[in-house]
């Protein structure tokens, strides 16, 4: 249950974030992104994280990994909450810029995990991709 929820919410939050950056804070997209983002963070908070540094990641990156994960979740939670505030209670200054910053951080997050998956060969992408896509990895 946790795995399916995490995978689904992870990819849905990315899709909604891309759409928000492309189209601006349209109310339906903003509500969906905010709720999905907070649901992903709640899943991680109450059910635990699905990620880990993996056995091949060492040194400073191994020590930084759990903190970088926490920072990504904190950024998602803060921006998802700000997005909900924006559509429900009133304007949040710079909300579209915050969406862009989160998308930029997400891109760095993806590059890091692509590097882990290819250079280290630790199967990092298998944890977060749907099983139907594992044959392509």
N, C-alpha and C. Protein backbone atom coordinates (compact mmCIF):
# COMPACT_ATOMS: atom_id res chain seq x y z
N UNK A 1 0.82 -1.20 0.00
CA UNK A 1 0.00 0.00 0.00
C UNK A 1 0.87 1.27 0.00
N UNK A 2 1.87 1.31 0.91
CA UNK A 2 2.75 2.47 1.00
C UNK A 2 3.50 2.67 -0.31
N UNK A 3 4.00 1.58 -0.88
CA UNK A 3 4.77 1.68 -2.13
C UNK A 3 3.91 2.22 -3.27
N UNK A 4 2.72 1.66 -3.43
CA UNK A 4 1.82 2.11 -4.49
C UNK A 4 1.43 3.57 -4.28
N UNK A 5 1.12 3.94 -3.05
CA UNK A 5 0.74 5.33 -2.77
C UNK A 5 1.91 6.27 -3.04
N UNK A 6 3.09 5.89 -2.60
CA UNK A 6 4.26 6.75 -2.79
C UNK A 6 4.58 6.93 -4.26
N UNK A 7 4.59 5.84 -5.02
CA UNK A 7 4.90 5.92 -6.45
C UNK A 7 3.86 6.78 -7.17
N UNK A 8 2.60 6.52 -6.91
CA UNK A 8 1.53 7.25 -7.58
C UNK A 8 1.58 8.73 -7.24
N UNK A 9 1.69 9.05 -5.97
CA UNK A 9 1.71 10.45 -5.54
C UNK A 9 2.98 11.18 -6.02
N UNK A 10 4.10 10.47 -6.04
CA UNK A 10 5.37 11.05 -6.50
C UNK A 10 5.25 11.53 -7.94
N UNK A 11 4.80 10.63 -8.83
CA UNK A 11 4.72 10.98 -10.25
C UNK A 11 3.58 11.95 -10.54
N UNK A 12 2.49 11.84 -9.80
CA UNK A 12 1.38 12.76 -9.98
C UNK A 12 1.78 14.17 -9.53
N UNK A 13 2.52 14.27 -8.43
CA UNK A 13 2.95 15.60 -7.99
C UNK A 13 3.91 16.23 -9.00
N UNK A 14 4.77 15.43 -9.60
CA UNK A 14 5.66 15.97 -10.63
C UNK A 14 4.86 16.46 -11.83
N UNK A 15 3.94 15.65 -12.31
CA UNK A 15 3.11 16.04 -13.46
C UNK A 15 2.35 17.33 -13.16
N UNK A 16 1.74 17.41 -12.01
CA UNK A 16 0.97 18.62 -11.65
C UNK A 16 1.87 19.83 -11.49
N UNK A 17 3.07 19.63 -10.97
CA UNK A 17 4.01 20.74 -10.84
C UNK A 17 4.44 21.25 -12.21
N UNK A 18 4.72 20.34 -13.13
CA UNK A 18 5.08 20.75 -14.50
C UNK A 18 3.93 21.54 -15.13
N UNK A 19 2.71 21.07 -14.94
CA UNK A 19 1.56 21.77 -15.49
C UNK A 19 1.38 23.15 -14.86
N UNK A 20 1.64 23.26 -13.55
CA UNK A 20 1.54 24.56 -12.89
C UNK A 20 2.59 25.53 -13.42
N UNK A 21 3.80 25.04 -13.63
CA UNK A 21 4.86 25.90 -14.16
C UNK A 21 4.50 26.33 -15.58
N UNK A 22 3.95 25.42 -16.36
CA UNK A 22 3.60 25.73 -17.75
C UNK A 22 2.40 26.66 -17.85
N UNK A 23 1.40 26.46 -16.99
CA UNK A 23 0.15 27.19 -17.14
C UNK A 23 -0.17 28.20 -16.07
N UNK A 24 0.66 28.28 -15.04
CA UNK A 24 0.37 29.20 -13.95
C UNK A 24 -0.57 28.54 -12.94
N UNK A 25 -0.84 29.22 -11.84
CA UNK A 25 -1.64 28.61 -10.78
C UNK A 25 -3.14 28.57 -11.10
N UNK A 26 -3.49 27.80 -12.10
CA UNK A 26 -4.91 27.60 -12.40
C UNK A 26 -5.55 26.89 -11.21
N UNK A 27 -6.74 27.30 -10.81
CA UNK A 27 -7.32 26.77 -9.58
C UNK A 27 -7.39 25.24 -9.49
N UNK A 28 -7.86 24.58 -10.52
CA UNK A 28 -7.98 23.12 -10.45
C UNK A 28 -6.61 22.45 -10.31
N UNK A 29 -5.64 22.93 -11.08
CA UNK A 29 -4.28 22.39 -10.98
C UNK A 29 -3.67 22.68 -9.62
N UNK A 30 -3.88 23.90 -9.14
CA UNK A 30 -3.32 24.29 -7.85
C UNK A 30 -3.89 23.44 -6.71
N UNK A 31 -5.21 23.24 -6.72
CA UNK A 31 -5.83 22.38 -5.70
C UNK A 31 -5.27 20.96 -5.78
N UNK A 32 -5.20 20.43 -6.99
CA UNK A 32 -4.71 19.06 -7.16
C UNK A 32 -3.26 18.94 -6.70
N UNK A 33 -2.41 19.88 -7.13
CA UNK A 33 -1.00 19.82 -6.72
C UNK A 33 -0.86 19.93 -5.21
N UNK A 34 -1.56 20.89 -4.62
CA UNK A 34 -1.46 21.07 -3.18
C UNK A 34 -1.88 19.84 -2.40
N UNK A 35 -3.00 19.26 -2.79
CA UNK A 35 -3.50 18.07 -2.07
C UNK A 35 -2.61 16.85 -2.30
N UNK A 36 -2.16 16.65 -3.53
CA UNK A 36 -1.29 15.51 -3.84
C UNK A 36 0.06 15.68 -3.15
N UNK A 37 0.62 16.90 -3.20
CA UNK A 37 1.91 17.14 -2.53
C UNK A 37 1.84 16.88 -1.04
N UNK A 38 0.79 17.38 -0.40
CA UNK A 38 0.65 17.15 1.04
C UNK A 38 0.37 15.68 1.35
N UNK A 39 -0.37 15.00 0.48
CA UNK A 39 -0.62 13.57 0.68
C UNK A 39 0.68 12.77 0.59
N UNK A 40 1.55 13.13 -0.36
CA UNK A 40 2.84 12.45 -0.47
C UNK A 40 3.67 12.68 0.78
N UNK A 41 3.70 13.90 1.27
CA UNK A 41 4.45 14.21 2.48
C UNK A 41 3.87 13.49 3.70
N UNK A 42 2.55 13.42 3.79
CA UNK A 42 1.90 12.72 4.89
C UNK A 42 2.21 11.23 4.84
N UNK A 43 2.22 10.66 3.64
CA UNK A 43 2.56 9.25 3.49
C UNK A 43 3.97 8.99 4.00
N UNK A 44 4.91 9.85 3.63
CA UNK A 44 6.29 9.69 4.10
C UNK A 44 6.39 9.88 5.61
N UNK A 45 5.66 10.85 6.14
CA UNK A 45 5.72 11.15 7.56
C UNK A 45 5.14 10.02 8.41
N UNK A 46 4.00 9.50 8.00
CA UNK A 46 3.31 8.51 8.82
C UNK A 46 3.64 7.06 8.48
N UNK A 47 4.07 6.81 7.25
CA UNK A 47 4.38 5.43 6.85
C UNK A 47 5.87 5.19 6.65
N UNK A 48 6.66 6.23 6.69
CA UNK A 48 8.10 6.11 6.52
C UNK A 48 8.52 6.34 5.08
N UNK A 49 9.80 6.68 4.92
CA UNK A 49 10.35 6.90 3.59
C UNK A 49 10.65 5.58 2.92
N UNK A 50 10.56 5.58 1.60
CA UNK A 50 10.89 4.39 0.82
C UNK A 50 12.32 4.44 0.31
N UNK A 51 13.01 5.52 0.56
CA UNK A 51 14.33 5.67 -0.03
C UNK A 51 15.42 5.41 1.00
N UNK A 52 16.59 5.27 0.49
CA UNK A 52 17.77 5.09 1.33
C UNK A 52 18.99 5.32 0.45
N UNK A 53 20.14 5.46 1.07
CA UNK A 53 21.32 5.75 0.26
C UNK A 53 21.79 4.58 -0.60
N UNK A 54 21.40 3.39 -0.30
CA UNK A 54 21.85 2.24 -1.07
C UNK A 54 23.27 1.85 -0.68
N UNK A 55 23.64 0.61 -0.90
CA UNK A 55 24.95 0.13 -0.44
C UNK A 55 26.14 0.71 -1.20
N UNK A 56 25.93 1.19 -2.42
CA UNK A 56 27.06 1.66 -3.22
C UNK A 56 27.33 3.16 -3.07
N UNK A 57 26.43 3.88 -2.43
CA UNK A 57 26.64 5.30 -2.22
C UNK A 57 27.47 5.46 -0.95
N UNK A 58 28.59 6.15 -1.05
CA UNK A 58 29.44 6.27 0.13
C UNK A 58 29.94 7.70 0.30
N UNK A 59 30.69 7.91 1.36
CA UNK A 59 31.28 9.21 1.62
C UNK A 59 30.26 10.27 2.00
N UNK A 60 30.55 11.48 1.54
CA UNK A 60 29.71 12.64 1.89
C UNK A 60 28.30 12.50 1.35
N UNK A 61 28.16 11.91 0.16
CA UNK A 61 26.82 11.75 -0.41
C UNK A 61 25.97 10.79 0.42
N UNK A 62 26.60 9.76 0.98
CA UNK A 62 25.86 8.82 1.83
C UNK A 62 25.36 9.53 3.09
N UNK A 63 26.21 10.37 3.67
CA UNK A 63 25.80 11.09 4.88
C UNK A 63 24.76 12.15 4.57
N UNK A 64 24.86 12.77 3.40
CA UNK A 64 23.93 13.85 3.04
C UNK A 64 22.57 13.32 2.57
N UNK A 65 22.53 12.10 2.07
CA UNK A 65 21.31 11.56 1.45
C UNK A 65 20.05 11.72 2.30
N UNK A 66 20.05 11.27 3.56
CA UNK A 66 18.79 11.41 4.33
C UNK A 66 18.39 12.86 4.54
N UNK A 67 19.35 13.75 4.67
CA UNK A 67 19.04 15.17 4.87
C UNK A 67 18.52 15.80 3.60
N UNK A 68 19.08 15.40 2.46
CA UNK A 68 18.59 15.92 1.19
C UNK A 68 17.15 15.46 0.94
N UNK A 69 16.84 14.23 1.33
CA UNK A 69 15.46 13.73 1.21
C UNK A 69 14.52 14.55 2.07
N UNK A 70 14.94 14.82 3.29
CA UNK A 70 14.09 15.62 4.19
C UNK A 70 13.88 17.03 3.64
N UNK A 71 14.93 17.60 3.06
CA UNK A 71 14.81 18.94 2.48
C UNK A 71 13.82 18.93 1.31
N UNK A 72 13.90 17.90 0.45
CA UNK A 72 12.96 17.81 -0.68
C UNK A 72 11.52 17.69 -0.18
N UNK A 73 11.30 16.84 0.82
CA UNK A 73 9.95 16.70 1.36
C UNK A 73 9.48 17.99 2.02
N UNK A 74 10.36 18.66 2.73
CA UNK A 74 9.99 19.92 3.39
C UNK A 74 9.65 20.99 2.34
N UNK A 75 10.44 21.05 1.28
CA UNK A 75 10.15 22.01 0.21
C UNK A 75 8.81 21.70 -0.45
N UNK A 76 8.56 20.42 -0.73
CA UNK A 76 7.28 20.05 -1.33
C UNK A 76 6.13 20.41 -0.40
N UNK A 77 6.26 20.09 0.88
CA UNK A 77 5.18 20.39 1.83
C UNK A 77 4.93 21.89 1.91
N UNK A 78 5.98 22.68 2.00
CA UNK A 78 5.83 24.12 2.13
C UNK A 78 5.18 24.73 0.88
N UNK A 79 5.64 24.30 -0.30
CA UNK A 79 5.11 24.88 -1.53
C UNK A 79 3.71 24.36 -1.84
N UNK A 80 3.43 23.11 -1.51
CA UNK A 80 2.07 22.59 -1.67
C UNK A 80 1.11 23.34 -0.75
N UNK A 81 1.53 23.57 0.49
CA UNK A 81 0.68 24.32 1.44
C UNK A 81 0.49 25.76 0.97
N UNK A 82 1.56 26.38 0.49
CA UNK A 82 1.45 27.76 -0.01
C UNK A 82 0.53 27.83 -1.22
N UNK A 83 0.58 26.79 -2.05
CA UNK A 83 -0.30 26.74 -3.22
C UNK A 83 -1.76 26.65 -2.79
N UNK A 84 -2.05 25.81 -1.80
CA UNK A 84 -3.42 25.72 -1.29
C UNK A 84 -3.86 27.04 -0.66
N UNK A 85 -2.96 27.68 0.07
CA UNK A 85 -3.27 28.98 0.65
C UNK A 85 -3.62 29.98 -0.45
N UNK A 86 -2.83 29.95 -1.51
CA UNK A 86 -3.02 30.87 -2.63
C UNK A 86 -4.41 30.74 -3.25
N UNK A 87 -4.89 29.50 -3.43
CA UNK A 87 -6.20 29.33 -4.07
C UNK A 87 -7.36 29.43 -3.09
N UNK A 88 -7.10 29.15 -1.80
CA UNK A 88 -8.21 29.13 -0.85
C UNK A 88 -8.35 30.43 -0.06
N UNK A 89 -7.24 31.06 0.30
CA UNK A 89 -7.30 32.18 1.23
C UNK A 89 -6.82 33.50 0.67
N UNK A 90 -6.06 33.48 -0.40
CA UNK A 90 -5.60 34.74 -0.97
C UNK A 90 -4.21 34.62 -1.55
N UNK A 91 -3.81 35.62 -2.28
CA UNK A 91 -2.54 35.56 -3.00
C UNK A 91 -1.33 35.33 -2.10
N UNK A 92 -0.43 34.51 -2.60
CA UNK A 92 0.88 34.30 -1.98
C UNK A 92 1.89 34.90 -2.94
N UNK A 93 2.65 35.85 -2.45
CA UNK A 93 3.63 36.54 -3.31
C UNK A 93 4.63 35.56 -3.89
N UNK A 94 4.80 35.62 -5.20
CA UNK A 94 5.81 34.81 -5.87
C UNK A 94 5.51 33.33 -5.98
N UNK A 95 4.25 32.95 -5.88
CA UNK A 95 3.93 31.52 -5.90
C UNK A 95 4.40 30.85 -7.19
N UNK A 96 4.29 31.52 -8.31
CA UNK A 96 4.74 30.89 -9.56
C UNK A 96 6.25 30.71 -9.56
N UNK A 97 6.99 31.63 -8.94
CA UNK A 97 8.44 31.45 -8.83
C UNK A 97 8.77 30.28 -7.92
N UNK A 98 8.01 30.10 -6.85
CA UNK A 98 8.26 28.97 -5.95
C UNK A 98 8.01 27.64 -6.66
N UNK A 99 7.00 27.61 -7.53
CA UNK A 99 6.76 26.40 -8.32
C UNK A 99 7.96 26.12 -9.22
N UNK A 100 8.50 27.17 -9.83
CA UNK A 100 9.66 27.01 -10.69
C UNK A 100 10.87 26.54 -9.89
N UNK A 101 11.09 27.09 -8.70
CA UNK A 101 12.21 26.66 -7.86
C UNK A 101 12.08 25.20 -7.46
N UNK A 102 10.86 24.79 -7.14
CA UNK A 102 10.64 23.39 -6.78
C UNK A 102 10.88 22.48 -7.98
N UNK A 103 10.45 22.91 -9.15
CA UNK A 103 10.70 22.11 -10.36
C UNK A 103 12.21 22.01 -10.63
N UNK A 104 12.94 23.08 -10.39
CA UNK A 104 14.39 23.06 -10.57
C UNK A 104 15.04 22.10 -9.58
N UNK A 105 14.62 22.15 -8.33
CA UNK A 105 15.15 21.22 -7.33
C UNK A 105 14.79 19.79 -7.68
N UNK A 106 13.59 19.59 -8.20
CA UNK A 106 13.15 18.25 -8.63
C UNK A 106 14.01 17.74 -9.77
N UNK A 107 14.42 18.64 -10.65
CA UNK A 107 15.29 18.24 -11.77
C UNK A 107 16.65 17.78 -11.25
N UNK A 108 17.19 18.49 -10.28
CA UNK A 108 18.47 18.06 -9.68
C UNK A 108 18.30 16.73 -8.96
N UNK A 109 17.18 16.56 -8.30
CA UNK A 109 16.84 15.31 -7.62
C UNK A 109 16.82 14.15 -8.63
N UNK A 110 16.19 14.39 -9.77
CA UNK A 110 16.11 13.36 -10.81
C UNK A 110 17.49 13.04 -11.38
N UNK A 111 18.30 14.06 -11.63
CA UNK A 111 19.64 13.83 -12.17
C UNK A 111 20.46 12.99 -11.19
N UNK A 112 20.36 13.31 -9.91
CA UNK A 112 21.09 12.54 -8.89
C UNK A 112 20.69 11.07 -8.93
N UNK A 113 19.38 10.80 -9.01
CA UNK A 113 18.93 9.41 -9.01
C UNK A 113 19.22 8.71 -10.33
N UNK A 114 19.22 9.44 -11.44
CA UNK A 114 19.66 8.85 -12.70
C UNK A 114 21.13 8.47 -12.63
N UNK A 115 21.94 9.34 -12.03
CA UNK A 115 23.36 9.04 -11.84
C UNK A 115 23.53 7.80 -10.96
N UNK A 116 22.81 7.75 -9.86
CA UNK A 116 22.88 6.57 -8.97
C UNK A 116 22.53 5.30 -9.73
N UNK A 117 21.45 5.38 -10.51
CA UNK A 117 20.97 4.19 -11.20
C UNK A 117 21.96 3.72 -12.27
N UNK A 118 22.57 4.67 -12.99
CA UNK A 118 23.46 4.30 -14.09
C UNK A 118 24.91 4.13 -13.65
N UNK A 119 25.46 5.10 -12.96
CA UNK A 119 26.88 5.03 -12.59
C UNK A 119 27.13 4.04 -11.45
N UNK A 120 26.28 4.04 -10.46
CA UNK A 120 26.46 3.13 -9.33
C UNK A 120 25.77 1.79 -9.54
N UNK A 121 24.77 1.79 -10.42
CA UNK A 121 24.04 0.55 -10.68
C UNK A 121 23.32 0.02 -9.45
N UNK A 122 22.79 0.93 -8.62
CA UNK A 122 22.16 0.49 -7.37
C UNK A 122 20.65 0.34 -7.45
N UNK A 123 20.09 0.45 -8.67
CA UNK A 123 18.65 0.23 -8.83
C UNK A 123 17.79 1.32 -8.24
N UNK A 124 18.34 2.55 -8.11
CA UNK A 124 17.60 3.64 -7.47
C UNK A 124 16.27 3.92 -8.16
N UNK A 125 16.22 3.77 -9.47
CA UNK A 125 14.98 4.08 -10.19
C UNK A 125 13.93 2.98 -10.04
N UNK A 126 14.34 1.79 -9.71
CA UNK A 126 13.38 0.69 -9.53
C UNK A 126 12.47 0.93 -8.33
N UNK A 127 12.97 1.67 -7.36
CA UNK A 127 12.16 1.94 -6.16
C UNK A 127 10.98 2.85 -6.46
N UNK A 128 11.14 3.76 -7.42
CA UNK A 128 10.12 4.79 -7.60
C UNK A 128 9.38 4.69 -8.91
N UNK A 129 9.77 3.79 -9.78
CA UNK A 129 9.03 3.62 -11.03
C UNK A 129 8.02 2.49 -10.87
N UNK A 130 6.91 2.58 -11.58
CA UNK A 130 5.93 1.50 -11.52
C UNK A 130 6.55 0.21 -12.05
N UNK A 131 6.19 -0.93 -11.47
CA UNK A 131 6.77 -2.21 -11.90
C UNK A 131 6.64 -2.46 -13.41
N UNK A 132 5.60 -1.94 -14.05
CA UNK A 132 5.43 -2.15 -15.48
C UNK A 132 6.57 -1.53 -16.29
N UNK A 133 7.28 -0.56 -15.72
CA UNK A 133 8.37 0.11 -16.43
C UNK A 133 9.75 -0.47 -16.11
N UNK A 134 9.84 -1.42 -15.21
CA UNK A 134 11.13 -1.96 -14.80
C UNK A 134 11.89 -2.61 -15.94
N UNK A 135 11.21 -3.13 -16.92
CA UNK A 135 11.88 -3.75 -18.06
C UNK A 135 12.70 -2.77 -18.86
N UNK A 136 12.33 -1.50 -18.84
CA UNK A 136 13.06 -0.46 -19.57
C UNK A 136 14.27 0.03 -18.81
N UNK A 137 14.34 -0.28 -17.53
CA UNK A 137 15.46 0.21 -16.72
C UNK A 137 16.62 -0.74 -16.85
